[in-house]
Amino acid sequence: MALRDVLETVRSHQKTLTVYAHAPAIVPELRDYFASQNVAVRYSRCPRDEPEHVVLADDDGFEAAVSLDAMRTLVDPDAPAKRVGEPAPYQRVLEGLDGATFTSYDHRQTLHATREVEDRAWRAGVGTLHAGFQSLSTFREARETYECLAVSDLDIHVYGAPADDATAADVAVDGVTVHADDSPDIAETWFVAYDGGPDARQKSALVAEERDPGEFYGVWTYDAALVDRVLAALGDDRRTTN
């Protein structure tokens, strides 16, 4: 399975949020809220004598249900902020979306998500970190970050398509294995994946494809099974070839 196949697999598993309400007024707000995620929001009128609620489901069936008032709290910008440790009434719905989001990020957001995965690897200090920047020229911008990461005991692998001014030797960093790879899977995909080291709970990954200039579509996940699929997509031959 290629990295882009991972994206297509995630995207194909769309989830559905059905709004059972007396009127569809909140539906546009929920569609806007979930616009960057792989969630279809649908409306179904319910009788006046029945409580309004929403149901999250996927191909395998029911996942979660909460009251419509709970979702109003989620989308209302004037709702009081949730306190740390305080359970949110809509939490069951958000938890059901883990590992199934398919987001659209600009370059800055993609860098932010990348840094979150890199930070998790940095805090653990062990394990294997894989990062692909499409081109080795782009990796130049992140080189200082990877010089810091390489001080740890992490096994670090960086991937990108080579250029005349950016070969593997040109961007070499002590403690980092650089893979010059111009295959479409590498040249067209931005990714960072951390295997969690000895703790599977620390696994995390971002995989994104630039389908429009400066716009990346992909999945950012902490789901261990999905991270394993990202790691497997790299392939043993690619991980061991400079």
Protein backbone atom coordinates (compact mmCIF):
# COMPACT_ATOMS: atom_id res chain seq x y z
CA MET A 1 0.00 0.00 0.00
CA ALA A 2 1.31 3.45 -0.96
CA LEU A 3 1.07 6.53 1.21
CA ARG A 4 -1.57 8.01 -1.07
CA ASP A 5 -3.52 4.76 -0.79
CA VAL A 6 -3.66 5.35 2.97
CA LEU A 7 -5.30 8.72 2.28
CA GLU A 8 -7.82 7.22 -0.12
CA THR A 9 -8.66 4.45 2.36
CA VAL A 10 -9.32 6.99 5.10
CA ARG A 11 -11.35 9.19 2.81
CA SER A 12 -13.44 6.24 1.64
CA HIS A 13 -14.52 5.56 5.21
CA GLN A 14 -16.72 8.60 5.50
CA LYS A 15 -18.78 8.99 8.64
CA THR A 16 -22.29 10.38 8.76
CA LEU A 17 -23.75 12.72 11.33
CA THR A 18 -27.55 12.62 11.12
CA VAL A 19 -29.41 15.49 12.73
CA TYR A 20 -32.83 14.47 14.02
CA ALA A 21 -34.52 17.80 14.63
CA HIS A 22 -37.81 19.64 14.28
CA ALA A 23 -36.19 22.02 11.78
CA PRO A 24 -32.89 22.03 9.84
CA ALA A 25 -31.66 25.42 11.13
CA ILE A 26 -28.48 24.07 12.75
CA VAL A 27 -27.47 21.86 9.80
CA PRO A 28 -25.49 24.56 7.90
CA GLU A 29 -23.55 25.39 11.08
CA LEU A 30 -22.65 21.75 11.62
CA ARG A 31 -21.62 21.37 7.98
CA ASP A 32 -19.34 24.38 8.33
CA TYR A 33 -17.87 23.01 11.55
CA PHE A 34 -17.11 19.60 10.02
CA ALA A 35 -16.17 20.97 6.60
CA SER A 36 -12.51 20.03 7.04
CA GLN A 37 -13.34 16.52 8.18
CA ASN A 38 -14.63 13.45 6.42
CA VAL A 39 -18.14 13.77 7.86
CA ALA A 40 -21.38 14.01 5.91
CA VAL A 41 -24.04 15.96 7.81
CA ARG A 42 -27.62 15.02 7.01
CA TYR A 43 -31.00 16.15 8.28
CA SER A 44 -33.99 14.04 9.25
CA ARG A 45 -37.15 15.61 10.61
CA CYS A 46 -38.30 14.18 13.92
CA PRO A 47 -41.79 14.48 15.46
CA ARG A 48 -42.43 17.39 17.80
CA ASP A 49 -42.96 15.03 20.72
CA GLU A 50 -39.55 13.37 20.33
CA PRO A 51 -36.25 14.77 21.68
CA GLU A 52 -33.92 16.34 19.13
CA HIS A 53 -30.56 14.56 18.85
CA VAL A 54 -27.73 13.61 16.50
CA VAL A 55 -26.32 10.20 15.62
CA LEU A 56 -22.79 9.51 14.36
CA ALA A 57 -22.39 6.38 12.27
CA ASP A 58 -20.00 4.78 9.78
CA ASP A 59 -20.17 1.82 7.42
CA ASP A 60 -20.21 -0.52 10.40
CA GLY A 61 -23.19 1.22 11.98
CA PHE A 62 -23.88 3.29 15.11
CA GLU A 63 -21.00 4.98 16.92
CA ALA A 64 -22.42 7.69 19.17
CA ALA A 65 -25.46 9.81 19.93
CA VAL A 66 -25.87 13.07 21.83
CA SER A 67 -28.60 15.64 22.25
CA LEU A 68 -28.96 18.43 19.73
CA ASP A 69 -28.41 20.89 22.56
CA ALA A 70 -24.97 19.36 23.06
CA MET A 71 -24.11 20.07 19.42
CA ARG A 72 -25.43 23.60 19.74
CA THR A 73 -22.87 24.08 22.50
CA LEU A 74 -20.16 22.83 20.15
CA VAL A 75 -20.91 25.31 17.35
CA ASP A 76 -22.01 28.30 19.43
CA PRO A 77 -19.09 30.79 19.62
CA ASP A 78 -20.70 32.42 22.67
CA ALA A 79 -21.00 29.18 24.67
CA PRO A 80 -18.91 29.14 27.88
CA ALA A 81 -15.49 27.58 27.38
CA LYS A 82 -15.10 24.04 28.68
CA ARG A 83 -12.95 23.85 31.79
CA VAL A 84 -10.03 21.48 32.06
CA GLY A 85 -11.26 18.11 33.33
CA GLU A 86 -14.90 19.01 32.71
CA PRO A 87 -16.71 16.51 30.48
CA ALA A 88 -18.15 18.02 27.32
CA PRO A 89 -21.68 16.97 26.34
CA TYR A 90 -20.59 16.48 22.72
CA GLN A 91 -17.39 14.55 23.54
CA ARG A 92 -18.70 11.17 22.39
CA VAL A 93 -19.14 12.51 18.87
CA LEU A 94 -15.65 14.00 18.68
CA GLU A 95 -14.09 10.82 20.06
CA GLY A 96 -15.82 8.91 17.30
CA LEU A 97 -13.93 10.96 14.71
CA ASP A 98 -10.41 9.96 15.82
CA GLY A 99 -8.51 8.43 12.95
CA ALA A 100 -11.22 9.29 10.45
CA THR A 101 -10.59 12.95 9.78
CA PHE A 102 -9.63 14.09 6.31
CA THR A 103 -8.59 17.70 6.60
CA SER A 104 -7.61 20.53 4.29
CA TYR A 105 -4.64 22.51 5.59
CA ASP A 106 -2.65 25.38 4.21
CA HIS A 107 1.14 25.28 4.38
CA ARG A 108 1.25 26.87 7.84
CA GLN A 109 -1.28 24.42 9.31
CA THR A 110 0.59 21.50 7.78
CA LEU A 111 3.80 22.69 9.41
CA HIS A 112 1.99 23.02 12.74
CA ALA A 113 0.68 19.45 12.57
CA THR A 114 4.13 18.23 11.56
CA ARG A 115 5.66 19.95 14.57
CA GLU A 116 3.16 18.26 16.90
CA VAL A 117 4.32 14.82 15.75
CA GLU A 118 7.99 15.88 15.90
CA ASP A 119 7.47 17.21 19.44
CA ARG A 120 5.98 13.91 20.56
CA ALA A 121 9.04 12.07 19.23
CA TRP A 122 11.36 14.63 20.87
CA ARG A 123 9.71 14.18 24.28
CA ALA A 124 10.03 10.39 24.08
CA GLY A 125 13.60 10.57 22.79
CA VAL A 126 13.55 7.00 21.47
CA GLY A 127 11.90 5.14 18.62
CA THR A 128 11.83 5.87 14.90
CA LEU A 129 10.69 9.04 13.17
CA HIS A 130 10.04 9.21 9.43
CA ALA A 131 9.49 12.54 7.67
CA GLY A 132 8.92 13.37 4.03
CA PHE A 133 9.00 16.96 2.76
CA GLN A 134 8.24 16.28 -0.92
CA SER A 135 11.63 17.68 -1.95
CA LEU A 136 15.02 17.81 -0.27
CA SER A 137 15.04 21.54 -1.03
CA THR A 138 12.05 21.95 1.29
CA PHE A 139 13.84 19.95 3.97
CA ARG A 140 16.44 22.72 4.15
CA GLU A 141 13.81 24.80 6.01
CA ALA A 142 13.44 22.07 8.66
CA ARG A 143 17.11 21.19 8.91
CA GLU A 144 17.69 23.05 12.18
CA THR A 145 14.77 21.19 13.78
CA TYR A 146 16.22 17.85 12.74
CA GLU A 147 19.66 18.77 14.00
CA CYS A 148 18.02 19.17 17.42
CA LEU A 149 16.06 15.92 17.10
CA ALA A 150 19.22 14.04 16.10
CA VAL A 151 20.81 14.80 19.48
CA SER A 152 18.38 12.28 21.01
CA ASP A 153 18.39 8.50 20.60
CA LEU A 154 15.76 8.68 17.85
CA ASP A 155 16.33 6.78 14.62
CA ILE A 156 15.45 9.50 12.09
CA HIS A 157 14.72 9.09 8.39
CA VAL A 158 14.03 12.01 6.04
CA TYR A 159 12.70 11.66 2.49
CA GLY A 160 12.43 13.94 -0.51
CA ALA A 161 13.00 14.28 -4.22
CA PRO A 162 16.56 15.42 -5.00
CA ALA A 163 17.37 18.59 -6.96
CA ASP A 164 20.53 19.99 -8.53
CA ASP A 165 21.14 22.08 -5.40
CA ALA A 166 19.70 19.61 -2.92
CA THR A 167 21.09 16.10 -3.04
CA ALA A 168 21.25 13.79 -0.05
CA ALA A 169 24.84 14.95 0.53
CA ASP A 170 23.87 18.64 0.34
CA VAL A 171 21.29 18.36 3.15
CA ALA A 172 23.06 15.75 5.27
CA VAL A 173 22.56 15.98 9.04
CA ASP A 174 24.58 13.92 11.51
CA GLY A 175 22.33 11.26 13.01
CA VAL A 176 19.72 11.53 10.23
CA THR A 177 19.38 9.10 7.32
CA VAL A 178 18.41 11.06 4.20
CA HIS A 179 16.57 9.20 1.43
CA ALA A 180 16.70 10.84 -2.00
CA ASP A 181 13.56 9.52 -3.65
CA ASP A 182 11.71 11.07 -6.58
CA SER A 183 8.88 8.52 -6.73
CA PRO A 184 5.36 10.06 -6.85
CA ASP A 185 4.60 8.68 -3.39
CA ILE A 186 7.42 10.79 -1.94
CA ALA A 187 7.48 13.78 -4.28
CA GLU A 188 3.72 14.43 -3.98
CA THR A 189 3.16 13.58 -0.31
CA TRP A 190 4.11 15.38 2.89
CA PHE A 191 4.31 13.08 5.89
CA VAL A 192 5.73 12.60 9.35
CA ALA A 193 5.21 9.40 11.31
CA TYR A 194 6.45 8.40 14.75
CA ASP A 195 6.31 4.76 15.82
CA GLY A 196 6.03 5.59 19.54
CA GLY A 197 9.20 3.80 20.54
CA PRO A 198 8.39 1.37 23.36
CA ASP A 199 5.00 2.99 24.01
CA ALA A 200 2.35 2.41 21.33
CA ARG A 201 0.22 5.14 22.91
CA GLN A 202 2.72 7.68 21.59
CA LYS A 203 2.26 6.72 17.94
CA SER A 204 1.22 9.60 15.72
CA ALA A 205 1.30 10.55 12.07
CA LEU A 206 0.41 13.14 9.50
CA VAL A 207 0.05 12.28 5.82
CA ALA A 208 -0.97 15.01 3.38
CA GLU A 209 -1.08 15.45 -0.37
CA GLU A 210 -0.76 18.85 -2.05
CA ARG A 211 -3.68 18.73 -4.48
CA ASP A 212 -3.84 22.50 -4.98
CA PRO A 213 -0.96 24.98 -4.62
CA GLY A 214 -0.42 25.54 -0.91
CA GLU A 215 -3.42 23.37 0.06
CA PHE A 216 -2.81 19.98 1.66
CA TYR A 217 -5.38 17.25 2.11
CA GLY A 218 -4.68 14.49 4.55
CA VAL A 219 -5.05 12.72 7.85
CA TRP A 220 -3.51 13.67 11.19
CA THR A 221 -3.96 10.80 13.62
CA TYR A 222 -2.95 9.26 16.92
CA ASP A 223 -4.67 5.98 16.08
CA ALA A 224 -1.99 3.28 16.46
CA ALA A 225 -3.41 1.00 13.76
CA LEU A 226 -3.55 3.82 11.22
CA VAL A 227 -0.01 4.93 12.12
CA ASP A 228 1.17 1.36 11.53
CA ARG A 229 -0.38 1.47 8.07
CA VAL A 230 1.51 4.67 7.31
CA LEU A 231 4.76 3.09 8.46
CA ALA A 232 4.08 -0.05 6.42
CA ALA A 233 3.40 2.09 3.35
CA LEU A 234 6.97 3.35 3.46
CA GLY A 235 8.21 -0.16 2.85
CA ASP A 236 11.32 -1.88 4.14
CA ASP A 237 13.21 -1.24 0.89
CA ARG A 238 12.61 2.52 1.07
CA ARG A 239 13.48 2.71 4.77
CA THR A 240 16.85 1.11 4.23
CA THR A 241 17.94 2.78 0.99
CA ASN A 242 19.88 6.06 0.99
